[in-house]
Amino acid sequence: MKRPREELRLIEAAVSARKNAYCPYSRYAVGASVLTESGRIFTGCNVENASYGLSLCAERVAIFNAVSRQQTLIKAMAIAGSAARPCGACRQVMFEFSTEQTRLYLVDLKPGASRPVVTKTTVARLLPFAFNPLTSGLLTRRAS
């Protein structure tokens, strides 16, 4: 089945971003990309530090890259790596800038495989019972 062009661009951007990962300690490279409501794609890769707590995941780098350019509503996101799954902190940050419809593509780059396995889901499904700034009263509407 042929992938829609937008989905393909997003996945390719995440795979490409993975090449820039700085991961000398774990050697676990991850790339991420976000598609904003404006149609722009922003990328990020994981960046490790010898003081592990100072490391930053690819997902948050990509999201913060978009937010720093006033793009605060994510339409879709792709994460690429070997069995790539976002950590809990990344899931909560993803939720902050997403809607119920925000698509998520988990791109598993299995070593030796001819092509990646892509799992499609939504950010909301990935983190059920997320801390929601709208229902908690912290925000009156999503940023746009």
C-alpha atoms as a PDB file:
ATOM      1  CA  MET A   1       0.000   0.000   0.000  1.00  0.00           C
ATOM      2  CA  LYS A   2       1.342   3.407  -0.962  1.00  0.00           C
ATOM      3  CA  ARG A   3       1.833   5.920   1.843  1.00  0.00           C
ATOM      4  CA  PRO A   4       0.420   9.435   1.503  1.00  0.00           C
ATOM      5  CA  ARG A   5       3.103  11.986   0.568  1.00  0.00           C
ATOM      6  CA  GLU A   6       2.799  13.902   3.856  1.00  0.00           C
ATOM      7  CA  GLU A   7       3.287  10.727   5.893  1.00  0.00           C
ATOM      8  CA  LEU A   8       6.265   9.679   3.789  1.00  0.00           C
ATOM      9  CA  ARG A   9       7.942  13.107   4.167  1.00  0.00           C
ATOM     10  CA  LEU A  10       7.481  12.958   7.937  1.00  0.00           C
ATOM     11  CA  ILE A  11       8.929   9.442   8.224  1.00  0.00           C
ATOM     12  CA  GLU A  12      11.880  10.302   5.968  1.00  0.00           C
ATOM     13  CA  ALA A  13      12.606  13.398   8.078  1.00  0.00           C
ATOM     14  CA  ALA A  14      12.719  11.313  11.289  1.00  0.00           C
ATOM     15  CA  VAL A  15      14.985   8.683   9.703  1.00  0.00           C
ATOM     16  CA  SER A  16      17.297  11.426   8.428  1.00  0.00           C
ATOM     17  CA  ALA A  17      17.366  13.234  11.812  1.00  0.00           C
ATOM     18  CA  ARG A  18      18.477   9.979  13.469  1.00  0.00           C
ATOM     19  CA  LYS A  19      21.792  10.255  11.598  1.00  0.00           C
ATOM     20  CA  ASN A  20      22.632  13.340  13.699  1.00  0.00           C
ATOM     21  CA  ALA A  21      22.095  11.642  17.068  1.00  0.00           C
ATOM     22  CA  TYR A  22      24.820  12.186  19.652  1.00  0.00           C
ATOM     23  CA  CYS A  23      24.731   8.913  21.574  1.00  0.00           C
ATOM     24  CA  PRO A  24      28.265   7.798  22.512  1.00  0.00           C
ATOM     25  CA  TYR A  25      27.090   6.197  25.775  1.00  0.00           C
ATOM     26  CA  SER A  26      24.015   4.183  24.823  1.00  0.00           C
ATOM     27  CA  ARG A  27      24.722   3.958  21.084  1.00  0.00           C
ATOM     28  CA  TYR A  28      20.923   4.066  20.711  1.00  0.00           C
ATOM     29  CA  ALA A  29      20.232   6.613  17.972  1.00  0.00           C
ATOM     30  CA  VAL A  30      16.742   8.063  17.632  1.00  0.00           C
ATOM     31  CA  GLY A  31      15.328  10.629  15.230  1.00  0.00           C
ATOM     32  CA  ALA A  32      11.997  12.408  15.437  1.00  0.00           C
ATOM     33  CA  SER A  33       9.982  14.758  13.300  1.00  0.00           C
ATOM     34  CA  VAL A  34       6.828  16.771  13.882  1.00  0.00           C
ATOM     35  CA  LEU A  35       4.393  18.112  11.333  1.00  0.00           C
ATOM     36  CA  THR A  36       2.711  21.272  12.566  1.00  0.00           C
ATOM     37  CA  GLU A  37      -0.704  22.641  11.611  1.00  0.00           C
ATOM     38  CA  SER A  38       1.049  25.123   9.304  1.00  0.00           C
ATOM     39  CA  GLY A  39       2.473  22.221   7.270  1.00  0.00           C
ATOM     40  CA  ARG A  40       6.064  22.706   8.424  1.00  0.00           C
ATOM     41  CA  ILE A  41       8.231  19.791   9.547  1.00  0.00           C
ATOM     42  CA  PHE A  42      10.688  20.142  12.418  1.00  0.00           C
ATOM     43  CA  THR A  43      13.196  17.478  13.424  1.00  0.00           C
ATOM     44  CA  GLY A  44      15.271  16.417  16.391  1.00  0.00           C
ATOM     45  CA  CYS A  45      17.669  13.696  17.482  1.00  0.00           C
ATOM     46  CA  ASN A  46      18.650  12.396  20.886  1.00  0.00           C
ATOM     47  CA  VAL A  47      21.567  14.193  22.525  1.00  0.00           C
ATOM     48  CA  GLU A  48      23.321  12.398  25.373  1.00  0.00           C
ATOM     49  CA  ASN A  49      25.565  13.752  28.080  1.00  0.00           C
ATOM     50  CA  ALA A  50      28.075  12.083  30.401  1.00  0.00           C
ATOM     51  CA  SER A  51      25.760  13.244  33.204  1.00  0.00           C
ATOM     52  CA  TYR A  52      22.869  11.089  31.961  1.00  0.00           C
ATOM     53  CA  GLY A  53      20.112  13.242  33.474  1.00  0.00           C
ATOM     54  CA  LEU A  54      21.152  16.086  31.187  1.00  0.00           C
ATOM     55  CA  SER A  55      20.478  14.055  28.035  1.00  0.00           C
ATOM     56  CA  LEU A  56      17.480  14.909  25.883  1.00  0.00           C
ATOM     57  CA  CYS A  57      15.310  12.601  23.792  1.00  0.00           C
ATOM     58  CA  ALA A  58      14.755  13.144  20.063  1.00  0.00           C
ATOM     59  CA  GLU A  59      11.010  13.629  20.544  1.00  0.00           C
ATOM     60  CA  ARG A  60      11.398  16.586  22.876  1.00  0.00           C
ATOM     61  CA  VAL A  61      14.160  18.119  20.732  1.00  0.00           C
ATOM     62  CA  ALA A  62      11.825  18.039  17.705  1.00  0.00           C
ATOM     63  CA  ILE A  63       8.850  19.431  19.633  1.00  0.00           C
ATOM     64  CA  PHE A  64      10.892  22.188  21.304  1.00  0.00           C
ATOM     65  CA  ASN A  65      12.403  23.020  17.909  1.00  0.00           C
ATOM     66  CA  ALA A  66       8.869  23.606  16.563  1.00  0.00           C
ATOM     67  CA  VAL A  67       7.672  25.499  19.641  1.00  0.00           C
ATOM     68  CA  SER A  68      10.723  27.788  19.538  1.00  0.00           C
ATOM     69  CA  ARG A  69       9.472  28.864  16.104  1.00  0.00           C
ATOM     70  CA  GLN A  70       5.932  29.539  17.362  1.00  0.00           C
ATOM     71  CA  GLN A  71       4.571  26.256  15.983  1.00  0.00           C
ATOM     72  CA  THR A  72       2.710  24.868  18.991  1.00  0.00           C
ATOM     73  CA  LEU A  73       0.129  22.515  17.503  1.00  0.00           C
ATOM     74  CA  ILE A  74       1.321  19.128  16.259  1.00  0.00           C
ATOM     75  CA  LYS A  75      -0.672  17.497  13.466  1.00  0.00           C
ATOM     76  CA  ALA A  76       1.520  14.365  13.240  1.00  0.00           C
ATOM     77  CA  MET A  77       4.808  12.989  14.551  1.00  0.00           C
ATOM     78  CA  ALA A  78       7.259  10.251  13.565  1.00  0.00           C
ATOM     79  CA  ILE A  79       9.879   8.592  15.748  1.00  0.00           C
ATOM     80  CA  ALA A  80      12.600   6.467  14.119  1.00  0.00           C
ATOM     81  CA  GLY A  81      14.953   3.996  15.763  1.00  0.00           C
ATOM     82  CA  SER A  82      15.387   0.353  16.628  1.00  0.00           C
ATOM     83  CA  ALA A  83      12.101  -0.490  18.397  1.00  0.00           C
ATOM     84  CA  ALA A  84      11.530   3.252  18.906  1.00  0.00           C
ATOM     85  CA  ARG A  85       9.036   4.024  21.659  1.00  0.00           C
ATOM     86  CA  PRO A  86       8.823   7.357  23.465  1.00  0.00           C
ATOM     87  CA  CYS A  87       9.585   7.509  27.180  1.00  0.00           C
ATOM     88  CA  GLY A  88       7.006   8.751  29.675  1.00  0.00           C
ATOM     89  CA  ALA A  89       8.378  12.307  29.780  1.00  0.00           C
ATOM     90  CA  CYS A  90       8.220  12.538  25.977  1.00  0.00           C
ATOM     91  CA  ARG A  91       4.669  11.182  25.938  1.00  0.00           C
ATOM     92  CA  GLN A  92       3.524  13.926  28.317  1.00  0.00           C
ATOM     93  CA  VAL A  93       5.288  16.655  26.294  1.00  0.00           C
ATOM     94  CA  MET A  94       3.764  15.236  23.093  1.00  0.00           C
ATOM     95  CA  PHE A  95       0.313  15.367  24.715  1.00  0.00           C
ATOM     96  CA  GLU A  96       0.792  19.029  25.676  1.00  0.00           C
ATOM     97  CA  PHE A  97       1.098  20.078  22.028  1.00  0.00           C
ATOM     98  CA  SER A  98      -1.301  17.563  20.451  1.00  0.00           C
ATOM     99  CA  THR A  99      -5.008  16.991  19.919  1.00  0.00           C
ATOM    100  CA  GLU A 100      -7.053  13.795  20.044  1.00  0.00           C
ATOM    101  CA  GLN A 101      -6.394  13.421  16.293  1.00  0.00           C
ATOM    102  CA  THR A 102      -2.602  13.889  16.323  1.00  0.00           C
ATOM    103  CA  ARG A 103      -1.171  10.970  14.356  1.00  0.00           C
ATOM    104  CA  LEU A 104       1.930   9.128  15.526  1.00  0.00           C
ATOM    105  CA  TYR A 105       4.189   6.903  13.429  1.00  0.00           C
ATOM    106  CA  LEU A 106       6.622   4.625  15.276  1.00  0.00           C
ATOM    107  CA  VAL A 107       9.293   3.699  12.730  1.00  0.00           C
ATOM    108  CA  ASP A 108      11.162   0.531  13.697  1.00  0.00           C
ATOM    109  CA  LEU A 109      14.473   0.385  11.852  1.00  0.00           C
ATOM    110  CA  LYS A 110      15.368  -3.251  12.411  1.00  0.00           C
ATOM    111  CA  PRO A 111      19.005  -3.976  11.546  1.00  0.00           C
ATOM    112  CA  GLY A 112      19.207  -5.956   8.318  1.00  0.00           C
ATOM    113  CA  ALA A 113      15.552  -5.402   7.365  1.00  0.00           C
ATOM    114  CA  SER A 114      14.871  -4.239   3.822  1.00  0.00           C
ATOM    115  CA  ARG A 115      12.465  -1.537   5.030  1.00  0.00           C
ATOM    116  CA  PRO A 116      11.175  -0.181   8.322  1.00  0.00           C
ATOM    117  CA  VAL A 117       8.082  -1.439  10.099  1.00  0.00           C
ATOM    118  CA  VAL A 118       5.758   1.486  10.800  1.00  0.00           C
ATOM    119  CA  THR A 119       3.193   1.334  13.596  1.00  0.00           C
ATOM    120  CA  LYS A 120       0.421   3.941  13.337  1.00  0.00           C
ATOM    121  CA  THR A 121      -1.368   5.231  16.411  1.00  0.00           C
ATOM    122  CA  THR A 122      -2.265   8.542  18.044  1.00  0.00           C
ATOM    123  CA  VAL A 123      -0.609  10.478  20.824  1.00  0.00           C
ATOM    124  CA  ALA A 124      -3.801  10.218  22.904  1.00  0.00           C
ATOM    125  CA  ARG A 125      -3.798   6.402  22.609  1.00  0.00           C
ATOM    126  CA  LEU A 126      -0.132   6.262  23.577  1.00  0.00           C
ATOM    127  CA  LEU A 127      -0.748   8.025  26.901  1.00  0.00           C
ATOM    128  CA  PRO A 128      -4.185   7.258  28.312  1.00  0.00           C
ATOM    129  CA  PHE A 129      -5.127   9.295  31.371  1.00  0.00           C
ATOM    130  CA  ALA A 130      -2.466  11.912  30.609  1.00  0.00           C
ATOM    131  CA  PHE A 131      -2.212  14.981  32.793  1.00  0.00           C
ATOM    132  CA  ASN A 132      -4.350  17.346  30.734  1.00  0.00           C
ATOM    133  CA  PRO A 133      -3.737  21.097  31.181  1.00  0.00           C
ATOM    134  CA  LEU A 134      -7.237  21.816  29.802  1.00  0.00           C
ATOM    135  CA  THR A 135      -9.230  19.639  32.180  1.00  0.00           C
ATOM    136  CA  SER A 136      -7.017  20.618  35.125  1.00  0.00           C
ATOM    137  CA  GLY A 137      -7.855  24.304  34.558  1.00  0.00           C
ATOM    138  CA  LEU A 138      -4.250  25.343  33.856  1.00  0.00           C
ATOM    139  CA  LEU A 139      -5.118  26.289  30.263  1.00  0.00           C
ATOM    140  CA  THR A 140      -8.411  27.501  28.848  1.00  0.00           C
ATOM    141  CA  ARG A 141      -7.573  26.394  25.289  1.00  0.00           C
ATOM    142  CA  ARG A 142      -4.781  24.674  23.373  1.00  0.00           C
ATOM    143  CA  ALA A 143      -2.036  26.918  22.072  1.00  0.00           C
ATOM    144  CA  SER A 144      -2.159  27.387  18.322  1.00  0.00           C
END
